[in-house]
């Protein structure tokens, strides 16, 4: 249960960090970048990938160490599937340990950002 909550937090974090740092132009790459930023412990990169308030909400409930620990326990990303509907998207991530997370994204000025809600 605790690991699921941490993964949910990571999902929220991902949504918040997509602002301004998404060099990919597609939702899956934005989610990948978020995971890379968490793995490296790069708070600034995480913040750049998310909508403005999502980053604050995420770090209100989780520390970077907790997010990194959760990601490490997941074994990394096994696969991702995206569904795009105009300027919103959902990316479902399956981790190597079998857990799954769903990330909601919104396109802002051509960049995909992770958000807490559609």
N, C-alpha and C. Protein backbone atom coordinates (compact mmCIF):
# COMPACT_ATOMS: atom_id res chain seq x y z
N UNK A 1 0.83 -1.19 0.00
CA UNK A 1 0.00 0.00 0.00
C UNK A 1 0.88 1.26 0.00
N UNK A 2 1.91 1.27 0.85
CA UNK A 2 2.79 2.43 0.93
C UNK A 2 3.48 2.66 -0.40
N UNK A 3 3.93 1.57 -1.04
CA UNK A 3 4.61 1.69 -2.33
C UNK A 3 3.65 2.23 -3.39
N UNK A 4 2.39 1.80 -3.33
CA UNK A 4 1.40 2.30 -4.29
C UNK A 4 1.17 3.80 -4.10
N UNK A 5 1.15 4.24 -2.86
CA UNK A 5 0.99 5.67 -2.60
C UNK A 5 2.20 6.45 -3.09
N UNK A 6 3.38 5.90 -2.92
CA UNK A 6 4.58 6.58 -3.42
C UNK A 6 4.57 6.63 -4.94
N UNK A 7 4.13 5.55 -5.58
CA UNK A 7 4.04 5.57 -7.05
C UNK A 7 3.00 6.58 -7.51
N UNK A 8 1.90 6.69 -6.76
CA UNK A 8 0.90 7.70 -7.09
C UNK A 8 1.51 9.09 -6.96
N UNK A 9 2.31 9.28 -5.92
CA UNK A 9 3.01 10.55 -5.75
C UNK A 9 3.94 10.83 -6.91
N UNK A 10 4.62 9.80 -7.36
CA UNK A 10 5.51 9.96 -8.50
C UNK A 10 4.72 10.35 -9.73
N UNK A 11 3.55 9.77 -9.89
CA UNK A 11 2.67 10.13 -11.01
C UNK A 11 2.32 11.61 -10.93
N UNK A 12 1.92 12.05 -9.77
CA UNK A 12 1.59 13.47 -9.59
C UNK A 12 2.79 14.34 -9.88
N UNK A 13 3.93 13.91 -9.38
CA UNK A 13 5.17 14.66 -9.60
C UNK A 13 5.45 14.77 -11.08
N UNK A 14 5.27 13.70 -11.76
CA UNK A 14 5.51 13.71 -13.18
C UNK A 14 4.66 14.76 -13.88
N UNK A 15 3.42 14.82 -13.50
CA UNK A 15 2.52 15.79 -14.10
C UNK A 15 2.97 17.20 -13.86
N UNK A 16 3.51 17.46 -12.72
CA UNK A 16 3.92 18.80 -12.36
C UNK A 16 5.21 19.22 -13.03
N UNK A 17 6.05 18.29 -13.40
CA UNK A 17 7.38 18.63 -13.87
C UNK A 17 7.49 18.86 -15.37
N UNK A 18 6.44 18.74 -16.10
CA UNK A 18 6.56 18.81 -17.55
C UNK A 18 6.63 20.22 -18.11
N UNK A 19 6.46 21.24 -17.32
CA UNK A 19 6.48 22.61 -17.83
C UNK A 19 7.88 22.98 -18.30
N UNK A 20 7.98 23.40 -19.52
CA UNK A 20 9.18 24.00 -20.02
C UNK A 20 10.38 23.10 -20.27
N UNK A 21 10.37 21.87 -19.84
CA UNK A 21 11.54 21.02 -20.00
C UNK A 21 11.30 19.90 -20.99
N UNK A 22 10.13 19.82 -21.52
CA UNK A 22 9.79 18.74 -22.43
C UNK A 22 10.36 19.05 -23.80
N UNK A 23 11.42 18.36 -24.15
CA UNK A 23 12.05 18.57 -25.45
C UNK A 23 11.54 17.58 -26.49
N UNK A 24 10.61 16.74 -26.10
CA UNK A 24 10.20 15.64 -26.94
C UNK A 24 9.00 15.93 -27.82
N UNK A 25 8.05 16.67 -27.31
CA UNK A 25 6.85 16.93 -28.07
C UNK A 25 5.80 15.84 -27.98
N UNK A 26 6.04 14.78 -27.19
CA UNK A 26 4.99 13.78 -27.01
C UNK A 26 4.90 13.37 -25.54
N UNK A 27 3.73 12.92 -25.13
CA UNK A 27 3.49 12.61 -23.71
C UNK A 27 4.41 11.52 -23.15
N UNK A 28 4.66 10.47 -23.92
CA UNK A 28 5.52 9.39 -23.40
C UNK A 28 6.91 9.89 -23.08
N UNK A 29 7.47 10.73 -23.93
CA UNK A 29 8.80 11.25 -23.66
C UNK A 29 8.81 12.15 -22.43
N UNK A 30 7.74 12.89 -22.23
CA UNK A 30 7.65 13.74 -21.04
C UNK A 30 7.66 12.89 -19.77
N UNK A 31 6.92 11.80 -19.78
CA UNK A 31 6.89 10.90 -18.62
C UNK A 31 8.26 10.25 -18.42
N UNK A 32 8.90 9.87 -19.50
CA UNK A 32 10.25 9.30 -19.42
C UNK A 32 11.21 10.31 -18.79
N UNK A 33 11.12 11.56 -19.21
CA UNK A 33 12.00 12.61 -18.67
C UNK A 33 11.77 12.80 -17.18
N UNK A 34 10.52 12.70 -16.76
CA UNK A 34 10.23 12.82 -15.34
C UNK A 34 10.92 11.72 -14.54
N UNK A 35 10.80 10.50 -15.02
CA UNK A 35 11.43 9.37 -14.33
C UNK A 35 12.95 9.56 -14.27
N UNK A 36 13.53 10.03 -15.35
CA UNK A 36 14.98 10.28 -15.37
C UNK A 36 15.36 11.35 -14.35
N UNK A 37 14.55 12.40 -14.25
CA UNK A 37 14.83 13.48 -13.30
C UNK A 37 14.72 12.98 -11.86
N UNK A 38 13.73 12.14 -11.59
CA UNK A 38 13.59 11.57 -10.25
C UNK A 38 14.80 10.69 -9.95
N UNK A 39 15.17 9.85 -10.90
CA UNK A 39 16.30 8.95 -10.69
C UNK A 39 17.59 9.72 -10.40
N UNK A 40 17.79 10.86 -11.07
CA UNK A 40 18.98 11.68 -10.87
C UNK A 40 18.87 12.58 -9.64
N UNK A 41 17.66 12.72 -9.10
CA UNK A 41 17.46 13.60 -7.96
C UNK A 41 17.47 15.07 -8.34
N UNK A 42 17.03 15.38 -9.55
CA UNK A 42 17.06 16.75 -10.08
C UNK A 42 15.70 17.43 -9.87
N UNK A 43 15.55 18.10 -8.73
CA UNK A 43 14.30 18.79 -8.40
C UNK A 43 13.92 19.84 -9.43
N UNK A 44 14.91 20.57 -9.96
CA UNK A 44 14.61 21.61 -10.93
C UNK A 44 14.04 21.02 -12.22
N UNK A 45 14.62 19.91 -12.67
CA UNK A 45 14.10 19.27 -13.88
C UNK A 45 12.69 18.74 -13.63
N UNK A 46 12.45 18.21 -12.43
CA UNK A 46 11.11 17.72 -12.09
C UNK A 46 10.12 18.88 -12.15
N UNK A 47 10.48 19.99 -11.56
CA UNK A 47 9.60 21.15 -11.55
C UNK A 47 9.30 21.64 -12.97
N UNK A 48 10.29 21.58 -13.84
CA UNK A 48 10.12 22.06 -15.22
C UNK A 48 9.19 21.17 -16.05
N UNK A 49 8.95 19.96 -15.60
CA UNK A 49 8.12 19.02 -16.36
C UNK A 49 6.66 19.01 -15.93
N UNK A 50 6.31 19.80 -14.92
CA UNK A 50 4.97 19.74 -14.35
C UNK A 50 4.25 21.08 -14.45
N UNK A 51 2.92 21.02 -14.38
CA UNK A 51 2.16 22.27 -14.30
C UNK A 51 2.52 22.94 -12.98
N UNK A 52 2.37 24.26 -12.89
CA UNK A 52 2.91 25.01 -11.75
C UNK A 52 2.56 24.50 -10.36
N UNK A 53 1.32 24.23 -10.08
CA UNK A 53 0.97 23.87 -8.70
C UNK A 53 1.19 22.41 -8.38
N UNK A 54 1.32 21.56 -9.38
CA UNK A 54 1.47 20.12 -9.14
C UNK A 54 2.77 19.80 -8.41
N UNK A 55 3.85 20.47 -8.78
CA UNK A 55 5.14 20.25 -8.13
C UNK A 55 5.03 20.56 -6.64
N UNK A 56 4.41 21.69 -6.31
CA UNK A 56 4.26 22.08 -4.91
C UNK A 56 3.43 21.06 -4.14
N UNK A 57 2.36 20.59 -4.74
CA UNK A 57 1.50 19.61 -4.07
C UNK A 57 2.27 18.31 -3.85
N UNK A 58 2.98 17.86 -4.87
CA UNK A 58 3.73 16.61 -4.76
C UNK A 58 4.73 16.66 -3.61
N UNK A 59 5.52 17.75 -3.56
CA UNK A 59 6.55 17.84 -2.53
C UNK A 59 6.00 18.26 -1.17
N UNK A 60 4.73 18.54 -1.12
CA UNK A 60 4.09 18.76 0.17
C UNK A 60 3.90 17.42 0.89
N UNK A 61 3.75 16.35 0.12
CA UNK A 61 3.48 15.04 0.68
C UNK A 61 4.66 14.06 0.59
N UNK A 62 5.60 14.31 -0.31
CA UNK A 62 6.71 13.38 -0.50
C UNK A 62 8.03 14.13 -0.59
N UNK A 63 9.09 13.47 -0.09
CA UNK A 63 10.44 14.01 -0.27
C UNK A 63 11.02 13.41 -1.54
N UNK A 64 12.07 14.03 -2.04
CA UNK A 64 12.74 13.49 -3.22
C UNK A 64 13.31 12.11 -2.91
N UNK A 65 13.83 11.91 -1.71
CA UNK A 65 14.34 10.60 -1.32
C UNK A 65 13.26 9.53 -1.39
N UNK A 66 12.05 9.85 -0.95
CA UNK A 66 10.94 8.89 -1.00
C UNK A 66 10.58 8.55 -2.45
N UNK A 67 10.57 9.55 -3.32
CA UNK A 67 10.25 9.31 -4.72
C UNK A 67 11.32 8.46 -5.39
N UNK A 68 12.58 8.74 -5.07
CA UNK A 68 13.67 7.95 -5.64
C UNK A 68 13.60 6.50 -5.15
N UNK A 69 13.33 6.32 -3.87
CA UNK A 69 13.23 4.98 -3.31
C UNK A 69 12.10 4.20 -3.98
N UNK A 70 10.96 4.86 -4.18
CA UNK A 70 9.83 4.21 -4.83
C UNK A 70 10.17 3.82 -6.26
N UNK A 71 10.83 4.72 -6.97
CA UNK A 71 11.21 4.42 -8.35
C UNK A 71 12.19 3.25 -8.39
N UNK A 72 13.18 3.27 -7.51
CA UNK A 72 14.16 2.19 -7.47
C UNK A 72 13.50 0.85 -7.17
N UNK A 73 12.53 0.84 -6.27
CA UNK A 73 11.81 -0.40 -5.94
C UNK A 73 10.97 -0.90 -7.11
N UNK A 74 10.58 0.01 -7.99
CA UNK A 74 9.77 -0.39 -9.14
C UNK A 74 10.57 -1.17 -10.16
N UNK A 75 11.88 -1.06 -10.11
CA UNK A 75 12.73 -1.73 -11.08
C UNK A 75 12.85 -0.99 -12.40
N UNK A 76 12.24 0.17 -12.50
CA UNK A 76 12.28 0.95 -13.72
C UNK A 76 11.08 0.67 -14.62
N UNK A 77 11.03 1.38 -15.71
CA UNK A 77 9.91 1.29 -16.64
C UNK A 77 10.06 0.06 -17.53
N UNK A 78 9.01 -0.74 -17.59
CA UNK A 78 8.97 -1.89 -18.50
C UNK A 78 8.32 -1.50 -19.82
N UNK A 79 7.21 -0.73 -19.73
CA UNK A 79 6.51 -0.30 -20.94
C UNK A 79 5.64 0.91 -20.64
N UNK A 80 5.29 1.62 -21.72
CA UNK A 80 4.40 2.78 -21.61
C UNK A 80 3.42 2.75 -22.77
N UNK A 81 2.17 3.15 -22.48
CA UNK A 81 1.16 3.31 -23.51
C UNK A 81 0.54 4.68 -23.34
N UNK A 82 0.34 5.39 -24.45
CA UNK A 82 -0.26 6.72 -24.36
C UNK A 82 -1.55 6.79 -25.16
N UNK A 83 -2.45 7.62 -24.65
CA UNK A 83 -3.69 7.93 -25.34
C UNK A 83 -3.79 9.44 -25.38
N UNK A 84 -3.92 10.00 -26.57
CA UNK A 84 -3.97 11.45 -26.74
C UNK A 84 -5.36 11.83 -27.23
N UNK A 85 -5.94 12.86 -26.61
CA UNK A 85 -7.24 13.41 -27.00
C UNK A 85 -7.10 14.93 -27.04
N UNK A 86 -6.81 15.45 -28.23
CA UNK A 86 -6.58 16.88 -28.43
C UNK A 86 -5.41 17.34 -27.57
N UNK A 87 -5.67 18.19 -26.57
CA UNK A 87 -4.61 18.75 -25.74
C UNK A 87 -4.48 18.07 -24.38
N UNK A 88 -5.03 16.88 -24.25
CA UNK A 88 -4.85 16.09 -23.03
C UNK A 88 -4.36 14.70 -23.42
N UNK A 89 -3.71 14.07 -22.48
CA UNK A 89 -3.19 12.72 -22.74
C UNK A 89 -3.11 11.95 -21.43
N UNK A 90 -3.09 10.65 -21.56
CA UNK A 90 -2.88 9.75 -20.43
C UNK A 90 -1.78 8.79 -20.85
N UNK A 91 -0.78 8.65 -19.98
CA UNK A 91 0.29 7.68 -20.21
C UNK A 91 0.23 6.67 -19.07
N UNK A 92 0.07 5.41 -19.44
CA UNK A 92 0.06 4.33 -18.46
C UNK A 92 1.43 3.67 -18.49
N UNK A 93 2.07 3.66 -17.32
CA UNK A 93 3.41 3.09 -17.18
C UNK A 93 3.29 1.78 -16.44
N UNK A 94 3.89 0.74 -17.00
CA UNK A 94 4.02 -0.54 -16.32
C UNK A 94 5.48 -0.67 -15.91
N UNK A 95 5.69 -0.92 -14.62
CA UNK A 95 7.04 -1.03 -14.08
C UNK A 95 7.50 -2.48 -14.10
N UNK A 96 8.77 -2.69 -14.00
CA UNK A 96 9.33 -4.05 -14.05
C UNK A 96 8.87 -4.93 -12.90
N UNK A 97 8.47 -4.31 -11.77
CA UNK A 97 7.97 -5.12 -10.65
C UNK A 97 6.49 -5.45 -10.79
N UNK A 98 5.85 -5.01 -11.89
CA UNK A 98 4.45 -5.31 -12.15
C UNK A 98 3.48 -4.22 -11.76
N UNK A 99 3.94 -3.21 -11.01
CA UNK A 99 3.07 -2.10 -10.65
C UNK A 99 2.76 -1.26 -11.89
N UNK A 100 1.66 -0.51 -11.81
CA UNK A 100 1.24 0.36 -12.90
C UNK A 100 0.88 1.72 -12.35
N UNK A 101 1.18 2.76 -13.12
CA UNK A 101 0.79 4.13 -12.78
C UNK A 101 0.23 4.80 -14.02
N UNK A 102 -0.71 5.69 -13.80
CA UNK A 102 -1.32 6.45 -14.89
C UNK A 102 -1.01 7.92 -14.69
N UNK A 103 -0.48 8.57 -15.73
CA UNK A 103 -0.10 9.97 -15.68
C UNK A 103 -1.00 10.79 -16.60
N UNK A 104 -1.61 11.84 -16.07
CA UNK A 104 -2.42 12.76 -16.88
C UNK A 104 -1.53 13.92 -17.31
N UNK A 105 -1.65 14.28 -18.58
CA UNK A 105 -0.86 15.37 -19.13
C UNK A 105 -1.75 16.35 -19.87
N UNK A 106 -1.25 17.56 -19.99
CA UNK A 106 -1.94 18.59 -20.74
C UNK A 106 -0.89 19.30 -21.61
N UNK A 107 -1.31 19.67 -22.83
CA UNK A 107 -0.39 20.39 -23.73
C UNK A 107 -0.54 21.88 -23.48
N UNK A 108 0.58 22.51 -23.13
CA UNK A 108 0.62 23.95 -22.85
C UNK A 108 1.70 24.55 -23.75
N UNK A 109 1.29 25.46 -24.63
CA UNK A 109 2.23 26.09 -25.56
C UNK A 109 3.07 25.06 -26.31
N UNK A 110 2.44 23.96 -26.72
CA UNK A 110 3.11 22.94 -27.49
C UNK A 110 3.91 21.93 -26.69
N UNK A 111 3.96 22.08 -25.37
CA UNK A 111 4.73 21.17 -24.51
C UNK A 111 3.78 20.35 -23.66
N UNK A 112 4.11 19.09 -23.48
CA UNK A 112 3.30 18.20 -22.65
C UNK A 112 3.78 18.30 -21.21
N UNK A 113 2.86 18.65 -20.31
CA UNK A 113 3.14 18.80 -18.89
C UNK A 113 2.29 17.87 -18.08
N UNK A 114 2.85 17.34 -17.04
CA UNK A 114 2.11 16.45 -16.15
C UNK A 114 1.27 17.28 -15.21
N UNK A 115 0.04 16.83 -15.02
CA UNK A 115 -0.91 17.57 -14.21
C UNK A 115 -1.57 16.61 -13.21
N UNK A 116 -2.25 17.19 -12.25
CA UNK A 116 -2.95 16.37 -11.26
C UNK A 116 -4.36 16.05 -11.72
N UNK A 117 -4.86 16.79 -12.67
CA UNK A 117 -6.20 16.54 -13.19
C UNK A 117 -6.25 16.99 -14.63
N UNK A 118 -7.20 16.42 -15.37
CA UNK A 118 -7.35 16.77 -16.80
C UNK A 118 -8.00 18.12 -16.96
